[in-house]
Amino acid sequence: MPRKPVAREKLLTAFEHLVLSEGERAATLDAVAARAGVSKGGLLYHFPHRQALVDAALARCEEMAREDLTRLTQSPRGAAREFLATSLYEDSPLDRSLMVAFRMVQSGEPGARETCERVTREWYRVVLEDVGDPMIATAVQCMGDGLYQRASMGLLPEDPEEKQQILQHLLDTADRLTRNA
């Protein structure tokens, strides 16, 4: 009887949790299986070795990023404004997946850098299509990336209104850049 995909998702989620909470080295096959409540044999059925687990986590990140691209391109406020507006780290599944990919880059995992580069390139592409100017697209992407980094590190104010003011300043700046192009 084939295994349910639920076990595979539980294993990927457990892997992400371990990487984010205890570090990449703590995310061993035994630790992932224990965290997911799955036998090691069950883990090996889905992921015959650790690299398969890493590859699946990176593929999951790219899949979530593709879904995000669709959301950006369909936003009535435009991809650039939507990119900025959603650059506040919120501990969403996409946020966690991205953070795992970033940690994999830092640890030198094969394929991680390429995954992050593809995701970043695609976000840039949709922002560029929206604003029509490479310099403005780069500025918007850098503003969003900086906002995301500060938010993910807890360096933004605690007060939600203050966070929204920072975001609004960035949105206003993007609007000015676009108008003056």
N, C-alpha and C. Protein backbone atom coordinates (compact mmCIF):
# COMPACT_ATOMS: atom_id res chain seq x y z
N MET A 1 0.84 -1.19 0.00
CA MET A 1 0.00 0.00 0.00
C MET A 1 0.88 1.24 0.00
N PRO A 2 0.70 2.17 -0.97
CA PRO A 2 1.56 3.35 -1.03
C PRO A 2 1.36 4.27 0.18
N ARG A 3 2.46 4.90 0.54
CA ARG A 3 2.42 5.83 1.67
C ARG A 3 1.69 7.11 1.28
N LYS A 4 1.02 7.70 2.24
CA LYS A 4 0.31 8.95 1.98
C LYS A 4 1.31 10.09 1.88
N PRO A 5 1.04 11.07 1.03
CA PRO A 5 1.93 12.22 0.93
C PRO A 5 2.00 13.02 2.22
N VAL A 6 1.06 12.80 3.13
CA VAL A 6 1.06 13.51 4.41
C VAL A 6 2.37 13.26 5.16
N ALA A 7 2.84 12.03 5.14
CA ALA A 7 4.09 11.70 5.83
C ALA A 7 5.26 12.47 5.22
N ARG A 8 5.27 12.57 3.92
CA ARG A 8 6.34 13.31 3.24
C ARG A 8 6.33 14.78 3.66
N GLU A 9 5.13 15.37 3.71
CA GLU A 9 5.02 16.78 4.12
C GLU A 9 5.42 16.96 5.58
N LYS A 10 5.03 16.00 6.43
CA LYS A 10 5.43 16.07 7.84
C LYS A 10 6.95 16.03 7.97
N LEU A 11 7.58 15.21 7.15
CA LEU A 11 9.05 15.11 7.20
C LEU A 11 9.71 16.41 6.73
N LEU A 12 9.19 16.99 5.66
CA LEU A 12 9.75 18.26 5.19
C LEU A 12 9.55 19.38 6.22
N THR A 13 8.39 19.40 6.83
CA THR A 13 8.11 20.40 7.86
C THR A 13 9.03 20.20 9.06
N ALA A 14 9.25 18.96 9.45
CA ALA A 14 10.16 18.66 10.56
C ALA A 14 11.58 19.09 10.22
N PHE A 15 12.00 18.82 9.00
CA PHE A 15 13.33 19.24 8.56
C PHE A 15 13.46 20.76 8.66
N GLU A 16 12.47 21.49 8.13
CA GLU A 16 12.50 22.95 8.20
C GLU A 16 12.59 23.42 9.65
N HIS A 17 11.75 22.85 10.50
CA HIS A 17 11.75 23.26 11.91
C HIS A 17 13.13 23.07 12.53
N LEU A 18 13.73 21.92 12.30
CA LEU A 18 15.05 21.65 12.89
C LEU A 18 16.11 22.61 12.35
N VAL A 19 16.11 22.84 11.06
CA VAL A 19 17.09 23.76 10.48
C VAL A 19 16.94 25.15 11.09
N LEU A 20 15.69 25.60 11.23
CA LEU A 20 15.45 26.95 11.73
C LEU A 20 15.64 27.08 13.24
N SER A 21 15.32 26.05 13.98
CA SER A 21 15.39 26.16 15.44
C SER A 21 16.72 25.70 16.02
N GLU A 22 17.36 24.71 15.38
CA GLU A 22 18.57 24.15 15.96
C GLU A 22 19.78 24.21 15.04
N GLY A 23 19.56 24.58 13.80
CA GLY A 23 20.67 24.68 12.86
C GLY A 23 20.70 23.52 11.89
N GLU A 24 21.36 23.77 10.79
CA GLU A 24 21.41 22.81 9.69
C GLU A 24 22.03 21.47 10.11
N ARG A 25 23.06 21.50 10.93
CA ARG A 25 23.71 20.24 11.33
C ARG A 25 22.84 19.38 12.23
N ALA A 26 21.91 20.02 12.94
CA ALA A 26 21.02 19.26 13.83
C ALA A 26 19.94 18.51 13.06
N ALA A 27 19.75 18.85 11.79
CA ALA A 27 18.69 18.24 10.98
C ALA A 27 19.18 16.93 10.37
N THR A 28 19.53 15.99 11.25
CA THR A 28 19.95 14.66 10.78
C THR A 28 18.71 13.85 10.41
N LEU A 29 18.92 12.76 9.71
CA LEU A 29 17.79 11.90 9.35
C LEU A 29 17.08 11.38 10.60
N ASP A 30 17.83 10.97 11.60
CA ASP A 30 17.22 10.48 12.84
C ASP A 30 16.40 11.57 13.51
N ALA A 31 16.95 12.78 13.59
CA ALA A 31 16.25 13.89 14.24
C ALA A 31 14.99 14.27 13.47
N VAL A 32 15.06 14.27 12.15
CA VAL A 32 13.90 14.60 11.32
C VAL A 32 12.80 13.57 11.52
N ALA A 33 13.17 12.30 11.49
CA ALA A 33 12.18 11.23 11.68
C ALA A 33 11.52 11.36 13.06
N ALA A 34 12.33 11.60 14.09
CA ALA A 34 11.78 11.72 15.45
C ALA A 34 10.85 12.93 15.54
N ARG A 35 11.27 14.05 14.99
CA ARG A 35 10.46 15.28 15.05
C ARG A 35 9.12 15.09 14.32
N ALA A 36 9.16 14.36 13.20
CA ALA A 36 7.94 14.14 12.41
C ALA A 36 7.07 13.02 12.98
N GLY A 37 7.61 12.25 13.93
CA GLY A 37 6.85 11.13 14.45
C GLY A 37 6.74 10.00 13.45
N VAL A 38 7.76 9.84 12.65
CA VAL A 38 7.79 8.82 11.59
C VAL A 38 9.01 7.93 11.87
N SER A 39 8.88 6.66 11.57
CA SER A 39 10.03 5.76 11.75
C SER A 39 11.13 6.14 10.76
N LYS A 40 12.35 5.74 11.09
CA LYS A 40 13.45 6.04 10.17
C LYS A 40 13.20 5.33 8.83
N GLY A 41 12.62 4.15 8.87
CA GLY A 41 12.28 3.44 7.64
C GLY A 41 11.27 4.23 6.81
N GLY A 42 10.31 4.85 7.49
CA GLY A 42 9.33 5.70 6.80
C GLY A 42 9.99 6.90 6.16
N LEU A 43 10.94 7.47 6.87
CA LEU A 43 11.68 8.61 6.29
C LEU A 43 12.46 8.15 5.06
N LEU A 44 13.16 7.01 5.19
CA LEU A 44 13.98 6.53 4.08
C LEU A 44 13.15 6.12 2.87
N TYR A 45 11.89 5.76 3.09
CA TYR A 45 11.00 5.47 1.97
C TYR A 45 10.83 6.72 1.10
N HIS A 46 10.67 7.86 1.73
CA HIS A 46 10.47 9.12 1.01
C HIS A 46 11.79 9.79 0.62
N PHE A 47 12.77 9.67 1.48
CA PHE A 47 14.05 10.35 1.28
C PHE A 47 15.18 9.37 1.60
N PRO A 48 15.71 8.70 0.57
CA PRO A 48 16.69 7.64 0.81
C PRO A 48 18.02 8.13 1.41
N HIS A 49 18.26 9.44 1.36
CA HIS A 49 19.47 10.01 1.96
C HIS A 49 19.20 11.48 2.27
N ARG A 50 20.07 12.07 3.04
CA ARG A 50 19.85 13.44 3.49
C ARG A 50 19.78 14.42 2.32
N GLN A 51 20.59 14.22 1.30
CA GLN A 51 20.57 15.14 0.16
C GLN A 51 19.21 15.15 -0.52
N ALA A 52 18.53 14.00 -0.53
CA ALA A 52 17.17 13.96 -1.11
C ALA A 52 16.23 14.83 -0.30
N LEU A 53 16.41 14.87 1.00
CA LEU A 53 15.59 15.73 1.87
C LEU A 53 15.89 17.20 1.61
N VAL A 54 17.17 17.53 1.49
CA VAL A 54 17.57 18.91 1.17
C VAL A 54 17.00 19.31 -0.18
N ASP A 55 17.15 18.45 -1.17
CA ASP A 55 16.65 18.75 -2.52
C ASP A 55 15.14 18.97 -2.50
N ALA A 56 14.42 18.17 -1.73
CA ALA A 56 12.96 18.32 -1.65
C ALA A 56 12.59 19.63 -0.96
N ALA A 57 13.35 20.03 0.05
CA ALA A 57 13.08 21.30 0.73
C ALA A 57 13.33 22.46 -0.22
N LEU A 58 14.36 22.38 -1.03
CA LEU A 58 14.65 23.44 -2.01
C LEU A 58 13.59 23.47 -3.11
N ALA A 59 13.14 22.30 -3.54
CA ALA A 59 12.08 22.24 -4.55
C ALA A 59 10.79 22.83 -3.99
N ARG A 60 10.50 22.55 -2.73
CA ARG A 60 9.32 23.11 -2.07
C ARG A 60 9.41 24.64 -2.04
N CYS A 61 10.59 25.15 -1.77
CA CYS A 61 10.79 26.60 -1.76
C CYS A 61 10.49 27.20 -3.13
N GLU A 62 10.99 26.57 -4.17
CA GLU A 62 10.74 27.09 -5.53
C GLU A 62 9.26 27.00 -5.89
N GLU A 63 8.60 25.95 -5.46
CA GLU A 63 7.17 25.81 -5.74
C GLU A 63 6.38 26.93 -5.04
N MET A 64 6.69 27.17 -3.79
CA MET A 64 6.00 28.25 -3.07
C MET A 64 6.30 29.61 -3.67
N ALA A 65 7.53 29.80 -4.12
CA ALA A 65 7.90 31.07 -4.76
C ALA A 65 7.14 31.24 -6.07
N ARG A 66 6.93 30.16 -6.83
CA ARG A 66 6.14 30.26 -8.06
C ARG A 66 4.71 30.67 -7.75
N GLU A 67 4.14 30.11 -6.70
CA GLU A 67 2.80 30.50 -6.28
C GLU A 67 2.78 31.98 -5.90
N ASP A 68 3.83 32.44 -5.24
CA ASP A 68 3.92 33.84 -4.86
C ASP A 68 4.03 34.73 -6.10
N LEU A 69 4.74 34.29 -7.11
CA LEU A 69 4.84 35.06 -8.36
C LEU A 69 3.47 35.26 -8.99
N THR A 70 2.66 34.23 -8.96
CA THR A 70 1.31 34.34 -9.50
C THR A 70 0.52 35.40 -8.74
N ARG A 71 0.65 35.36 -7.42
CA ARG A 71 -0.04 36.34 -6.58
C ARG A 71 0.46 37.75 -6.90
N LEU A 72 1.76 37.92 -7.06
CA LEU A 72 2.33 39.24 -7.38
C LEU A 72 1.81 39.76 -8.71
N THR A 73 1.82 38.90 -9.72
CA THR A 73 1.43 39.36 -11.05
C THR A 73 -0.06 39.63 -11.16
N GLN A 74 -0.85 39.03 -10.28
CA GLN A 74 -2.30 39.23 -10.31
C GLN A 74 -2.78 40.33 -9.36
N SER A 75 -1.86 40.92 -8.63
CA SER A 75 -2.25 41.93 -7.66
C SER A 75 -2.74 43.20 -8.35
N PRO A 76 -3.89 43.72 -7.94
CA PRO A 76 -4.39 44.96 -8.55
C PRO A 76 -3.51 46.17 -8.26
N ARG A 77 -2.70 46.11 -7.22
CA ARG A 77 -1.82 47.25 -6.93
C ARG A 77 -0.49 47.18 -7.65
N GLY A 78 -0.26 46.11 -8.41
CA GLY A 78 0.97 45.96 -9.18
C GLY A 78 1.98 45.09 -8.46
N ALA A 79 2.82 44.43 -9.24
CA ALA A 79 3.80 43.49 -8.68
C ALA A 79 4.81 44.17 -7.78
N ALA A 80 5.27 45.37 -8.15
CA ALA A 80 6.28 46.06 -7.35
C ALA A 80 5.74 46.43 -5.98
N ARG A 81 4.56 47.03 -5.96
CA ARG A 81 3.95 47.42 -4.67
C ARG A 81 3.61 46.17 -3.85
N GLU A 82 3.13 45.14 -4.50
CA GLU A 82 2.79 43.91 -3.79
C GLU A 82 4.05 43.25 -3.22
N PHE A 83 5.13 43.26 -4.01
CA PHE A 83 6.40 42.70 -3.53
C PHE A 83 6.83 43.41 -2.25
N LEU A 84 6.79 44.74 -2.27
CA LEU A 84 7.17 45.50 -1.08
C LEU A 84 6.21 45.23 0.08
N ALA A 85 4.93 45.28 -0.20
CA ALA A 85 3.93 45.14 0.86
C ALA A 85 4.00 43.78 1.54
N THR A 86 4.50 42.78 0.84
CA THR A 86 4.56 41.44 1.43
C THR A 86 5.99 41.06 1.83
N SER A 87 6.84 42.05 1.95
CA SER A 87 8.23 41.78 2.35
C SER A 87 8.43 41.82 3.86
N LEU A 88 7.38 41.97 4.62
CA LEU A 88 7.47 41.87 6.07
C LEU A 88 7.41 40.39 6.44
N TYR A 89 8.46 39.89 7.06
CA TYR A 89 8.52 38.50 7.48
C TYR A 89 7.37 38.21 8.43
N GLU A 90 6.60 37.17 8.13
CA GLU A 90 5.43 36.84 8.95
C GLU A 90 5.43 35.39 9.42
N ASP A 91 6.54 34.69 9.25
CA ASP A 91 6.63 33.29 9.64
C ASP A 91 5.62 32.43 8.89
N SER A 92 5.38 32.78 7.63
CA SER A 92 4.48 32.01 6.77
C SER A 92 5.23 30.77 6.25
N PRO A 93 4.53 29.82 5.65
CA PRO A 93 5.23 28.68 5.05
C PRO A 93 6.30 29.12 4.03
N LEU A 94 5.99 30.14 3.23
CA LEU A 94 7.00 30.63 2.28
C LEU A 94 8.18 31.24 3.02
N ASP A 95 7.92 32.02 4.06
CA ASP A 95 9.01 32.61 4.84
C ASP A 95 9.92 31.53 5.41
N ARG A 96 9.33 30.52 6.01
CA ARG A 96 10.13 29.44 6.60
C ARG A 96 10.93 28.71 5.53
N SER A 97 10.31 28.47 4.41
CA SER A 97 10.99 27.77 3.32
C SER A 97 12.16 28.59 2.79
N LEU A 98 11.95 29.88 2.65
CA LEU A 98 13.04 30.76 2.20
C LEU A 98 14.19 30.78 3.20
N MET A 99 13.84 30.87 4.48
CA MET A 99 14.89 30.92 5.50
C MET A 99 15.70 29.62 5.50
N VAL A 100 15.05 28.49 5.28
CA VAL A 100 15.77 27.22 5.18
C VAL A 100 16.70 27.25 3.97
N ALA A 101 16.21 27.75 2.84
CA ALA A 101 17.05 27.83 1.65
C ALA A 101 18.26 28.74 1.91
N PHE A 102 18.03 29.87 2.58
CA PHE A 102 19.15 30.78 2.91
C PHE A 102 20.17 30.08 3.80
N ARG A 103 19.69 29.33 4.77
CA ARG A 103 20.60 28.60 5.66
C ARG A 103 21.37 27.53 4.89
N MET A 104 20.70 26.92 3.91
CA MET A 104 21.37 25.90 3.09
C MET A 104 22.48 26.54 2.25
N VAL A 105 22.25 27.76 1.78
CA VAL A 105 23.30 28.48 1.05
C VAL A 105 24.48 28.70 1.98
N GLN A 106 24.21 29.17 3.18
CA GLN A 106 25.28 29.45 4.15
C GLN A 106 26.09 28.21 4.49
N SER A 107 25.43 27.05 4.49
CA SER A 107 26.15 25.82 4.85
C SER A 107 26.78 25.14 3.63
N GLY A 108 26.60 25.73 2.46
CA GLY A 108 27.24 25.19 1.26
C GLY A 108 26.54 23.99 0.66
N GLU A 109 25.25 23.81 0.95
CA GLU A 109 24.50 22.68 0.39
C GLU A 109 24.42 22.81 -1.13
N PRO A 110 24.71 21.73 -1.86
CA PRO A 110 24.61 21.76 -3.32
C PRO A 110 23.20 22.15 -3.78
N GLY A 111 23.15 23.07 -4.71
CA GLY A 111 21.89 23.49 -5.30
C GLY A 111 21.19 24.62 -4.59
N ALA A 112 21.55 24.91 -3.35
CA ALA A 112 20.84 25.93 -2.58
C ALA A 112 21.04 27.33 -3.17
N ARG A 113 22.26 27.65 -3.52
CA ARG A 113 22.53 28.97 -4.08
C ARG A 113 21.76 29.17 -5.38
N GLU A 114 21.76 28.14 -6.22
CA GLU A 114 21.05 28.22 -7.50
C GLU A 114 19.55 28.40 -7.28
N THR A 115 19.00 27.70 -6.30
CA THR A 115 17.58 27.85 -5.98
C THR A 115 17.28 29.29 -5.59
N CYS A 116 18.06 29.84 -4.68
CA CYS A 116 17.83 31.22 -4.24
C CYS A 116 18.02 32.21 -5.38
N GLU A 117 18.99 31.97 -6.24
CA GLU A 117 19.20 32.86 -7.39
C GLU A 117 18.01 32.80 -8.35
N ARG A 118 17.47 31.61 -8.61
CA ARG A 118 16.31 31.49 -9.49
C ARG A 118 15.10 32.22 -8.91
N VAL A 119 14.85 32.02 -7.63
CA VAL A 119 13.72 32.68 -6.98
C VAL A 119 13.88 34.20 -7.06
N THR A 120 15.04 34.69 -6.73
CA THR A 120 15.31 36.13 -6.77
C THR A 120 15.17 36.68 -8.18
N ARG A 121 15.71 35.94 -9.14
CA ARG A 121 15.62 36.37 -10.55
C ARG A 121 14.17 36.48 -11.00
N GLU A 122 13.33 35.53 -10.62
CA GLU A 122 11.93 35.55 -11.02
C GLU A 122 11.17 36.70 -10.36
N TRP A 123 11.45 36.97 -9.09
CA TRP A 123 10.81 38.12 -8.45
C TRP A 123 11.24 39.41 -9.15
N TYR A 124 12.53 39.50 -9.48
CA TYR A 124 13.00 40.68 -10.20
C TYR A 124 12.28 40.81 -11.54
N ARG A 125 12.13 39.71 -12.25
CA ARG A 125 11.48 39.73 -13.56
C ARG A 125 10.07 40.31 -13.48
N VAL A 126 9.28 39.85 -12.51
CA VAL A 126 7.90 40.35 -12.44
C VAL A 126 7.85 41.81 -11.97
N VAL A 127 8.77 42.19 -11.11
CA VAL A 127 8.83 43.60 -10.70
C VAL A 127 9.24 44.46 -11.90
N LEU A 128 10.22 44.01 -12.66
CA LEU A 128 10.66 44.74 -13.84
C LEU A 128 9.52 44.87 -14.86
N GLU A 129 8.79 43.81 -15.09
CA GLU A 129 7.64 43.88 -16.01
C GLU A 129 6.64 44.94 -15.54
N ASP A 130 6.50 45.08 -14.24
CA ASP A 130 5.56 46.05 -13.69
C ASP A 130 6.07 47.49 -13.83
N VAL A 131 7.33 47.73 -13.46
CA VAL A 131 7.84 49.12 -13.43
C VAL A 131 8.51 49.55 -14.74
N GLY A 132 8.98 48.58 -15.52
CA GLY A 132 9.54 48.89 -16.83
C GLY A 132 10.93 49.48 -16.85
N ASP A 133 11.60 49.58 -15.73
CA ASP A 133 12.94 50.18 -15.67
C ASP A 133 13.83 49.31 -14.78
N PRO A 134 14.97 48.84 -15.31
CA PRO A 134 15.84 47.96 -14.53
C PRO A 134 16.35 48.58 -13.23
N MET A 135 16.66 49.88 -13.25
CA MET A 135 17.16 50.53 -12.04
C MET A 135 16.08 50.60 -10.96
N ILE A 136 14.87 50.90 -11.37
CA ILE A 136 13.76 50.98 -10.40
C ILE A 136 13.44 49.58 -9.89
N ALA A 137 13.45 48.60 -10.77
CA ALA A 137 13.19 47.22 -10.34
C ALA A 137 14.23 46.77 -9.32
N THR A 138 15.48 47.12 -9.56
CA THR A 138 16.55 46.77 -8.62
C THR A 138 16.34 47.48 -7.29
N ALA A 139 15.97 48.76 -7.33
CA ALA A 139 15.73 49.52 -6.10
C ALA A 139 14.57 48.91 -5.32
N VAL A 140 13.49 48.56 -5.99
CA VAL A 140 12.33 47.96 -5.32
C VAL A 140 12.74 46.62 -4.70
N GLN A 141 13.45 45.83 -5.45
CA GLN A 141 13.86 44.53 -4.92
C GLN A 141 14.78 44.69 -3.70
N CYS A 142 15.71 45.64 -3.77
CA CYS A 142 16.61 45.86 -2.63
C CYS A 142 15.85 46.40 -1.42
N MET A 143 14.88 47.27 -1.64
CA MET A 143 14.06 47.75 -0.52
C MET A 143 13.30 46.59 0.11
N GLY A 144 12.69 45.76 -0.72
CA GLY A 144 11.94 44.62 -0.19
C GLY A 144 12.84 43.63 0.53
N ASP A 145 14.01 43.35 -0.05
CA ASP A 145 14.93 42.41 0.59
C ASP A 145 15.43 42.96 1.93
N GLY A 146 15.72 44.25 1.97
CA GLY A 146 16.17 44.86 3.23
C GLY A 146 15.09 44.83 4.29
N LEU A 147 13.87 45.12 3.88
CA LEU A 147 12.74 45.07 4.81
C LEU A 147 12.54 43.65 5.33
N TYR A 148 12.63 42.69 4.43
CA TYR A 148 12.47 41.28 4.80
C TYR A 148 13.55 40.86 5.79
N GLN A 149 14.79 41.24 5.49
CA GLN A 149 15.90 40.86 6.37
C GLN A 149 15.72 41.47 7.76
N ARG A 150 15.41 42.75 7.82
CA ARG A 150 15.22 43.41 9.12
C ARG A 150 14.06 42.78 9.88
N ALA A 151 12.97 42.49 9.18
CA ALA A 151 11.81 41.88 9.84
C ALA A 151 12.15 40.48 10.35
N SER A 152 12.84 39.68 9.53
CA SER A 152 13.15 38.30 9.92
C SER A 152 14.13 38.24 11.09
N MET A 153 14.92 39.28 11.25
CA MET A 153 15.88 39.32 12.36
C MET A 153 15.30 40.02 13.59
N GLY A 154 14.07 40.49 13.50
CA GLY A 154 13.46 41.16 14.64
C GLY A 154 13.97 42.58 14.84
N LEU A 155 14.45 43.22 13.78
CA LEU A 155 15.02 44.55 13.88
C LEU A 155 14.05 45.68 13.55
N LEU A 156 12.80 45.34 13.30
CA LEU A 156 11.79 46.36 13.07
C LEU A 156 11.08 46.65 14.40
N PRO A 157 10.45 47.81 14.51
CA PRO A 157 9.72 48.11 15.74
C PRO A 157 8.66 47.04 16.03
N GLU A 158 8.37 46.83 17.28
CA GLU A 158 7.34 45.87 17.70
C GLU A 158 5.94 46.37 17.33
N ASP A 159 5.74 47.67 17.40
CA ASP A 159 4.44 48.27 17.18
C ASP A 159 4.01 48.09 15.71
N PRO A 160 2.88 47.43 15.46
CA PRO A 160 2.41 47.22 14.09
C PRO A 160 2.22 48.52 13.30
N GLU A 161 1.79 49.57 13.97
CA GLU A 161 1.61 50.85 13.28
C GLU A 161 2.94 51.41 12.80
N GLU A 162 3.98 51.27 13.62
CA GLU A 162 5.31 51.74 13.22
C GLU A 162 5.83 50.92 12.03
N LYS A 163 5.59 49.62 12.05
CA LYS A 163 5.99 48.77 10.92
C LYS A 163 5.28 49.23 9.65
N GLN A 164 3.99 49.51 9.78
CA GLN A 164 3.22 49.95 8.61
C GLN A 164 3.71 51.31 8.11
N GLN A 165 4.15 52.18 8.99
CA GLN A 165 4.70 53.47 8.57
C GLN A 165 5.97 53.27 7.75
N ILE A 166 6.83 52.37 8.19
CA ILE A 166 8.06 52.07 7.44
C ILE A 166 7.69 51.53 6.07
N LEU A 167 6.77 50.59 6.04
CA LEU A 167 6.33 50.03 4.76
C LEU A 167 5.74 51.11 3.87
N GLN A 168 4.92 51.98 4.42
CA GLN A 168 4.31 53.04 3.63
C GLN A 168 5.36 53.99 3.06
N HIS A 169 6.41 54.28 3.82
CA HIS A 169 7.51 55.13 3.30
C HIS A 169 8.18 54.46 2.09
N LEU A 170 8.37 53.16 2.19
CA LEU A 170 8.98 52.43 1.06
C LEU A 170 8.06 52.41 -0.15
N LEU A 171 6.77 52.19 0.08
CA LEU A 171 5.80 52.22 -1.02
C LEU A 171 5.77 53.60 -1.68
N ASP A 172 5.78 54.65 -0.86
CA ASP A 172 5.80 56.02 -1.40
C ASP A 172 7.07 56.27 -2.21
N THR A 173 8.18 55.76 -1.73
CA THR A 173 9.45 55.91 -2.46
C THR A 173 9.39 55.19 -3.80
N ALA A 174 8.86 53.99 -3.80
CA ALA A 174 8.72 53.25 -5.06
C ALA A 174 7.81 53.99 -6.03
N ASP A 175 6.74 54.57 -5.51
CA ASP A 175 5.83 55.36 -6.37
C ASP A 175 6.55 56.57 -6.96
N ARG A 176 7.33 57.25 -6.14
CA ARG A 176 8.08 58.43 -6.65
C ARG A 176 9.07 58.02 -7.72
N LEU A 177 9.77 56.92 -7.48
CA LEU A 177 10.73 56.45 -8.49
C LEU A 177 10.04 56.14 -9.80
N THR A 178 8.91 55.48 -9.72
CA THR A 178 8.17 55.10 -10.92
C THR A 178 7.63 56.32 -11.66
N ARG A 179 7.12 57.29 -10.91
CA ARG A 179 6.60 58.52 -11.54
C ARG A 179 7.71 59.32 -12.22
N ASN A 180 8.89 59.32 -11.65
CA ASN A 180 9.99 60.13 -12.17
C ASN A 180 10.81 59.41 -13.23
N ALA A 181 10.46 58.20 -13.55
CA ALA A 181 11.24 57.44 -14.53
C ALA A 181 11.04 57.96 -15.94
